[in-house]
Amino acid sequence: MTINGPVYEAVGAFAPGGGVNALLEWSDKISERILTSTMRNEHMKPADRLKASEMLAKTYGAFLERVEVART
């Protein structure tokens, strides 16, 4: 995949080398900033702050998925 124009330049500013991987890393950083600011904003609804907190924790892998294994 080739990224051209202003998007490529914007990605290059955040991650040298550009490319799709750089774009994904840049996107993750922006998402974390949005979730963090939502979580800390006291003017937001408590439900929205809690959801942002939960989503941020999921991005860091804070939750474990429990799997039951049946022996036969």
PDB file of N, CA and C in Angstrom:
ATOM      1  N   MET A   1       0.847  -1.175   0.000  1.00  0.00           N
ATOM      2  CA  MET A   1       0.000   0.000   0.000  1.00  0.00           C
ATOM      3  C   MET A   1       0.891   1.237   0.000  1.00  0.00           C
ATOM      4  N   THR A   2       0.567   2.195  -0.835  1.00  0.00           N
ATOM      5  CA  THR A   2       1.343   3.412  -0.938  1.00  0.00           C
ATOM      6  C   THR A   2       0.517   4.584  -0.419  1.00  0.00           C
ATOM      7  N   ILE A   3       1.139   5.399   0.408  1.00  0.00           N
ATOM      8  CA  ILE A   3       0.480   6.589   0.936  1.00  0.00           C
ATOM      9  C   ILE A   3       1.175   7.792   0.316  1.00  0.00           C
ATOM     10  N   ASN A   4       0.402   8.669  -0.290  1.00  0.00           N
ATOM     11  CA  ASN A   4       0.960   9.847  -0.952  1.00  0.00           C
ATOM     12  C   ASN A   4       0.358  11.112  -0.381  1.00  0.00           C
ATOM     13  N   GLY A   5       0.984  12.227  -0.680  1.00  0.00           N
ATOM     14  CA  GLY A   5       0.430  13.534  -0.366  1.00  0.00           C
ATOM     15  C   GLY A   5       0.512  13.906   1.092  1.00  0.00           C
ATOM     16  N   PRO A   6      -0.461  14.718   1.543  1.00  0.00           N
ATOM     17  CA  PRO A   6      -0.424  15.255   2.909  1.00  0.00           C
ATOM     18  C   PRO A   6      -0.440  14.187   4.004  1.00  0.00           C
ATOM     19  N   VAL A   7      -1.127  13.084   3.740  1.00  0.00           N
ATOM     20  CA  VAL A   7      -1.183  12.018   4.753  1.00  0.00           C
ATOM     21  C   VAL A   7       0.210  11.447   4.968  1.00  0.00           C
ATOM     22  N   TYR A   8       0.917  11.196   3.887  1.00  0.00           N
ATOM     23  CA  TYR A   8       2.281  10.660   3.979  1.00  0.00           C
ATOM     24  C   TYR A   8       3.186  11.612   4.743  1.00  0.00           C
ATOM     25  N   GLU A   9       3.048  12.905   4.459  1.00  0.00           N
ATOM     26  CA  GLU A   9       3.868  13.894   5.141  1.00  0.00           C
ATOM     27  C   GLU A   9       3.541  13.949   6.632  1.00  0.00           C
ATOM     28  N   ALA A  10       2.245  13.857   6.972  1.00  0.00           N
ATOM     29  CA  ALA A  10       1.838  13.888   8.382  1.00  0.00           C
ATOM     30  C   ALA A  10       2.365  12.665   9.118  1.00  0.00           C
ATOM     31  N   VAL A  11       2.268  11.514   8.494  1.00  0.00           N
ATOM     32  CA  VAL A  11       2.776  10.287   9.115  1.00  0.00           C
ATOM     33  C   VAL A  11       4.282  10.376   9.273  1.00  0.00           C
ATOM     34  N   GLY A  12       4.962  10.900   8.275  1.00  0.00           N
ATOM     35  CA  GLY A  12       6.412  11.038   8.333  1.00  0.00           C
ATOM     36  C   GLY A  12       6.862  11.928   9.472  1.00  0.00           C
ATOM     37  N   ALA A  13       6.026  12.902   9.827  1.00  0.00           N
ATOM     38  CA  ALA A  13       6.376  13.798  10.935  1.00  0.00           C
ATOM     39  C   ALA A  13       6.351  13.060  12.267  1.00  0.00           C
ATOM     40  N   PHE A  14       5.500  12.054  12.380  1.00  0.00           N
ATOM     41  CA  PHE A  14       5.372  11.322  13.643  1.00  0.00           C
ATOM     42  C   PHE A  14       6.225  10.058  13.674  1.00  0.00           C
ATOM     43  N   ALA A  15       6.411   9.449  12.529  1.00  0.00           N
ATOM     44  CA  ALA A  15       7.167   8.200  12.476  1.00  0.00           C
ATOM     45  C   ALA A  15       8.046   8.204  11.235  1.00  0.00           C
ATOM     46  N   PRO A  16       9.336   8.395  11.383  1.00  0.00           N
ATOM     47  CA  PRO A  16      10.225   8.410  10.226  1.00  0.00           C
ATOM     48  C   PRO A  16      10.123   7.114   9.435  1.00  0.00           C
ATOM     49  N   GLY A  17      10.133   7.238   8.143  1.00  0.00           N
ATOM     50  CA  GLY A  17      10.029   6.058   7.277  1.00  0.00           C
ATOM     51  C   GLY A  17       8.646   5.900   6.699  1.00  0.00           C
ATOM     52  N   GLY A  18       7.631   6.488   7.322  1.00  0.00           N
ATOM     53  CA  GLY A  18       6.263   6.422   6.803  1.00  0.00           C
ATOM     54  C   GLY A  18       5.772   4.996   6.670  1.00  0.00           C
ATOM     55  N   GLY A  19       4.874   4.780   5.747  1.00  0.00           N
ATOM     56  CA  GLY A  19       4.337   3.456   5.492  1.00  0.00           C
ATOM     57  C   GLY A  19       3.140   3.144   6.373  1.00  0.00           C
ATOM     58  N   VAL A  20       2.563   2.001   6.102  1.00  0.00           N
ATOM     59  CA  VAL A  20       1.352   1.585   6.800  1.00  0.00           C
ATOM     60  C   VAL A  20       1.605   1.361   8.282  1.00  0.00           C
ATOM     61  N   ASN A  21       2.720   0.733   8.639  1.00  0.00           N
ATOM     62  CA  ASN A  21       3.008   0.484  10.054  1.00  0.00           C
ATOM     63  C   ASN A  21       3.132   1.779  10.837  1.00  0.00           C
ATOM     64  N   ALA A  22       3.759   2.767  10.228  1.00  0.00           N
ATOM     65  CA  ALA A  22       3.891   4.062  10.883  1.00  0.00           C
ATOM     66  C   ALA A  22       2.527   4.706  11.073  1.00  0.00           C
ATOM     67  N   LEU A  23       1.669   4.566  10.075  1.00  0.00           N
ATOM     68  CA  LEU A  23       0.320   5.121  10.172  1.00  0.00           C
ATOM     69  C   LEU A  23      -0.452   4.457  11.304  1.00  0.00           C
ATOM     70  N   LEU A  24      -0.323   3.144  11.445  1.00  0.00           N
ATOM     71  CA  LEU A  24      -1.020   2.433  12.517  1.00  0.00           C
ATOM     72  C   LEU A  24      -0.493   2.847  13.890  1.00  0.00           C
ATOM     73  N   GLU A  25       0.809   2.994  14.020  1.00  0.00           N
ATOM     74  CA  GLU A  25       1.381   3.441  15.291  1.00  0.00           C
ATOM     75  C   GLU A  25       0.907   4.848  15.632  1.00  0.00           C
ATOM     76  N   TRP A  26       0.878   5.720  14.642  1.00  0.00           N
ATOM     77  CA  TRP A  26       0.411   7.094  14.832  1.00  0.00           C
ATOM     78  C   TRP A  26      -1.042   7.094  15.263  1.00  0.00           C
ATOM     79  N   SER A  27      -1.850   6.246  14.623  1.00  0.00           N
ATOM     80  CA  SER A  27      -3.271   6.141  14.955  1.00  0.00           C
ATOM     81  C   SER A  27      -3.462   5.656  16.392  1.00  0.00           C
ATOM     82  N   ASP A  28      -2.665   4.691  16.818  1.00  0.00           N
ATOM     83  CA  ASP A  28      -2.749   4.186  18.193  1.00  0.00           C
ATOM     84  C   ASP A  28      -2.424   5.274  19.206  1.00  0.00           C
ATOM     85  N   LYS A  29      -1.418   6.083  18.916  1.00  0.00           N
ATOM     86  CA  LYS A  29      -1.040   7.166  19.834  1.00  0.00           C
ATOM     87  C   LYS A  29      -2.163   8.187  19.956  1.00  0.00           C
ATOM     88  N   ILE A  30      -2.784   8.518  18.835  1.00  0.00           N
ATOM     89  CA  ILE A  30      -3.894   9.473  18.849  1.00  0.00           C
ATOM     90  C   ILE A  30      -5.065   8.895  19.636  1.00  0.00           C
ATOM     91  N   SER A  31      -5.364   7.620  19.428  1.00  0.00           N
ATOM     92  CA  SER A  31      -6.470   6.973  20.147  1.00  0.00           C
ATOM     93  C   SER A  31      -6.222   6.990  21.648  1.00  0.00           C
ATOM     94  N   GLU A  32      -4.997   6.702  22.058  1.00  0.00           N
ATOM     95  CA  GLU A  32      -4.671   6.717  23.481  1.00  0.00           C
ATOM     96  C   GLU A  32      -4.823   8.110  24.068  1.00  0.00           C
ATOM     97  N   ARG A  33      -4.431   9.121  23.326  1.00  0.00           N
ATOM     98  CA  ARG A  33      -4.580  10.495  23.812  1.00  0.00           C
ATOM     99  C   ARG A  33      -6.055  10.864  23.978  1.00  0.00           C
ATOM    100  N   ILE A  34      -6.881  10.479  23.009  1.00  0.00           N
ATOM    101  CA  ILE A  34      -8.314  10.788  23.082  1.00  0.00           C
ATOM    102  C   ILE A  34      -8.948  10.080  24.267  1.00  0.00           C
ATOM    103  N   LEU A  35      -8.651   8.798  24.433  1.00  0.00           N
ATOM    104  CA  LEU A  35      -9.232   8.047  25.543  1.00  0.00           C
ATOM    105  C   LEU A  35      -8.767   8.589  26.889  1.00  0.00           C
ATOM    106  N   THR A  36      -7.505   8.938  26.988  1.00  0.00           N
ATOM    107  CA  THR A  36      -6.975   9.477  28.244  1.00  0.00           C
ATOM    108  C   THR A  36      -7.617  10.808  28.578  1.00  0.00           C
ATOM    109  N   SER A  37      -7.747  11.690  27.590  1.00  0.00           N
ATOM    110  CA  SER A  37      -8.353  12.995  27.875  1.00  0.00           C
ATOM    111  C   SER A  37      -9.829  12.856  28.213  1.00  0.00           C
ATOM    112  N   THR A  38     -10.531  11.911  27.580  1.00  0.00           N
ATOM    113  CA  THR A  38     -11.934  11.675  27.909  1.00  0.00           C
ATOM    114  C   THR A  38     -12.064  11.146  29.326  1.00  0.00           C
ATOM    115  N   MET A  39     -11.201  10.222  29.691  1.00  0.00           N
ATOM    116  CA  MET A  39     -11.237   9.611  31.017  1.00  0.00           C
ATOM    117  C   MET A  39     -10.993  10.642  32.114  1.00  0.00           C
ATOM    118  N   ARG A  40     -10.127  11.610  31.863  1.00  0.00           N
ATOM    119  CA  ARG A  40      -9.759  12.600  32.878  1.00  0.00           C
ATOM    120  C   ARG A  40     -10.653  13.842  32.888  1.00  0.00           C
ATOM    121  N   ASN A  41     -11.494  14.008  31.876  1.00  0.00           N
ATOM    122  CA  ASN A  41     -12.329  15.202  31.753  1.00  0.00           C
ATOM    123  C   ASN A  41     -13.503  15.131  32.726  1.00  0.00           C
ATOM    124  N   GLU A  42     -13.510  15.983  33.713  1.00  0.00           N
ATOM    125  CA  GLU A  42     -14.554  15.972  34.740  1.00  0.00           C
ATOM    126  C   GLU A  42     -15.894  16.482  34.237  1.00  0.00           C
ATOM    127  N   HIS A  43     -15.926  17.102  33.054  1.00  0.00           N
ATOM    128  CA  HIS A  43     -17.169  17.624  32.494  1.00  0.00           C
ATOM    129  C   HIS A  43     -17.917  16.581  31.666  1.00  0.00           C
ATOM    130  N   MET A  44     -17.295  15.448  31.428  1.00  0.00           N
ATOM    131  CA  MET A  44     -17.937  14.362  30.681  1.00  0.00           C
ATOM    132  C   MET A  44     -18.847  13.574  31.619  1.00  0.00           C
ATOM    133  N   LYS A  45     -19.791  12.859  31.016  1.00  0.00           N
ATOM    134  CA  LYS A  45     -20.670  11.999  31.808  1.00  0.00           C
ATOM    135  C   LYS A  45     -19.836  10.867  32.415  1.00  0.00           C
ATOM    136  N   PRO A  46     -20.172  10.472  33.648  1.00  0.00           N
ATOM    137  CA  PRO A  46     -19.421   9.378  34.279  1.00  0.00           C
ATOM    138  C   PRO A  46     -19.404   8.098  33.444  1.00  0.00           C
ATOM    139  N   ALA A  47     -20.500   7.806  32.755  1.00  0.00           N
ATOM    140  CA  ALA A  47     -20.547   6.596  31.932  1.00  0.00           C
ATOM    141  C   ALA A  47     -19.538   6.672  30.785  1.00  0.00           C
ATOM    142  N   ASP A  48     -19.385   7.859  30.194  1.00  0.00           N
ATOM    143  CA  ASP A  48     -18.428   8.035  29.109  1.00  0.00           C
ATOM    144  C   ASP A  48     -16.996   7.924  29.620  1.00  0.00           C
ATOM    145  N   ARG A  49     -16.742   8.480  30.793  1.00  0.00           N
ATOM    146  CA  ARG A  49     -15.407   8.404  31.386  1.00  0.00           C
ATOM    147  C   ARG A  49     -15.047   6.964  31.720  1.00  0.00           C
ATOM    148  N   LEU A  50     -16.019   6.224  32.244  1.00  0.00           N
ATOM    149  CA  LEU A  50     -15.789   4.825  32.592  1.00  0.00           C
ATOM    150  C   LEU A  50     -15.520   3.990  31.344  1.00  0.00           C
ATOM    151  N   LYS A  51     -16.282   4.232  30.274  1.00  0.00           N
ATOM    152  CA  LYS A  51     -16.086   3.495  29.028  1.00  0.00           C
ATOM    153  C   LYS A  51     -14.706   3.797  28.438  1.00  0.00           C
ATOM    154  N   ALA A  52     -14.289   5.063  28.482  1.00  0.00           N
ATOM    155  CA  ALA A  52     -12.960   5.430  27.991  1.00  0.00           C
ATOM    156  C   ALA A  52     -11.877   4.727  28.808  1.00  0.00           C
ATOM    157  N   SER A  53     -12.080   4.647  30.112  1.00  0.00           N
ATOM    158  CA  SER A  53     -11.131   3.958  30.988  1.00  0.00           C
ATOM    159  C   SER A  53     -11.043   2.476  30.626  1.00  0.00           C
ATOM    160  N   GLU A  54     -12.185   1.868  30.390  1.00  0.00           N
ATOM    161  CA  GLU A  54     -12.232   0.450  30.027  1.00  0.00           C
ATOM    162  C   GLU A  54     -11.539   0.207  28.685  1.00  0.00           C
ATOM    163  N   MET A  55     -11.807   1.057  27.708  1.00  0.00           N
ATOM    164  CA  MET A  55     -11.202   0.891  26.391  1.00  0.00           C
ATOM    165  C   MET A  55      -9.686   1.093  26.443  1.00  0.00           C
ATOM    166  N   LEU A  56      -9.247   2.038  27.253  1.00  0.00           N
ATOM    167  CA  LEU A  56      -7.817   2.273  27.406  1.00  0.00           C
ATOM    168  C   LEU A  56      -7.142   1.067  28.059  1.00  0.00           C
ATOM    169  N   ALA A  57      -7.789   0.503  29.066  1.00  0.00           N
ATOM    170  CA  ALA A  57      -7.240  -0.688  29.726  1.00  0.00           C
ATOM    171  C   ALA A  57      -7.151  -1.858  28.750  1.00  0.00           C
ATOM    172  N   LYS A  58      -8.149  -1.993  27.874  1.00  0.00           N
ATOM    173  CA  LYS A  58      -8.124  -3.072  26.889  1.00  0.00           C
ATOM    174  C   LYS A  58      -6.969  -2.898  25.905  1.00  0.00           C
ATOM    175  N   THR A  59      -6.649  -1.654  25.553  1.00  0.00           N
ATOM    176  CA  THR A  59      -5.543  -1.443  24.619  1.00  0.00           C
ATOM    177  C   THR A  59      -4.212  -1.859  25.223  1.00  0.00           C
ATOM    178  N   TYR A  60      -4.103  -1.787  26.536  1.00  0.00           N
ATOM    179  CA  TYR A  60      -2.877  -2.204  27.213  1.00  0.00           C
ATOM    180  C   TYR A  60      -2.905  -3.667  27.643  1.00  0.00           C
ATOM    181  N   GLY A  61      -3.987  -4.379  27.319  1.00  0.00           N
ATOM    182  CA  GLY A  61      -4.074  -5.789  27.655  1.00  0.00           C
ATOM    183  C   GLY A  61      -4.263  -6.056  29.128  1.00  0.00           C
ATOM    184  N   ALA A  62      -4.990  -5.170  29.804  1.00  0.00           N
ATOM    185  CA  ALA A  62      -5.172  -5.299  31.243  1.00  0.00           C
ATOM    186  C   ALA A  62      -6.176  -6.384  31.619  1.00  0.00           C
ATOM    187  N   PHE A  63      -6.992  -6.817  30.666  1.00  0.00           N
ATOM    188  CA  PHE A  63      -7.989  -7.833  30.966  1.00  0.00           C
ATOM    189  C   PHE A  63      -7.524  -9.180  30.439  1.00  0.00           C
ATOM    190  N   LEU A  64      -7.808 -10.201  31.192  1.00  0.00           N
ATOM    191  CA  LEU A  64      -7.467 -11.555  30.787  1.00  0.00           C
ATOM    192  C   LEU A  64      -8.725 -12.278  30.340  1.00  0.00           C
ATOM    193  N   GLU A  65      -8.584 -13.054  29.313  1.00  0.00           N
ATOM    194  CA  GLU A  65      -9.724 -13.846  28.851  1.00  0.00           C
ATOM    195  C   GLU A  65      -9.589 -15.236  29.464  1.00  0.00           C
ATOM    196  N   ARG A  66     -10.587 -15.624  30.217  1.00  0.00           N
ATOM    197  CA  ARG A  66     -10.533 -16.938  30.858  1.00  0.00           C
ATOM    198  C   ARG A  66     -11.106 -17.989  29.903  1.00  0.00           C
ATOM    199  N   VAL A  67     -10.381 -19.058  29.783  1.00  0.00           N
ATOM    200  CA  VAL A  67     -10.779 -20.137  28.904  1.00  0.00           C
ATOM    201  C   VAL A  67     -10.797 -21.421  29.706  1.00  0.00           C
ATOM    202  N   GLU A  68     -11.915 -22.127  29.633  1.00  0.00           N
ATOM    203  CA  GLU A  68     -12.005 -23.412  30.334  1.00  0.00           C
ATOM    204  C   GLU A  68     -11.596 -24.521  29.371  1.00  0.00           C
ATOM    205  N   VAL A  69     -10.795 -25.415  29.875  1.00  0.00           N
ATOM    206  CA  VAL A  69     -10.341 -26.541  29.073  1.00  0.00           C
ATOM    207  C   VAL A  69     -10.945 -27.797  29.672  1.00  0.00           C
ATOM    208  N   ALA A  70     -11.712 -28.509  28.856  1.00  0.00           N
ATOM    209  CA  ALA A  70     -12.345 -29.747  29.320  1.00  0.00           C
ATOM    210  C   ALA A  70     -11.441 -30.915  28.958  1.00  0.00           C
ATOM    211  N   ARG A  71     -11.199 -31.753  29.953  1.00  0.00           N
ATOM    212  CA  ARG A  71     -10.385 -32.959  29.711  1.00  0.00           C
ATOM    213  C   ARG A  71     -11.317 -34.100  29.348  1.00  0.00           C
ATOM    214  N   THR A  72     -10.915 -34.816  28.334  1.00  0.00           N
ATOM    215  CA  THR A  72     -11.748 -35.962  27.915  1.00  0.00           C
ATOM    216  C   THR A  72     -11.054 -37.259  28.127  1.00  0.00           C
TER     217      THR A  72
END
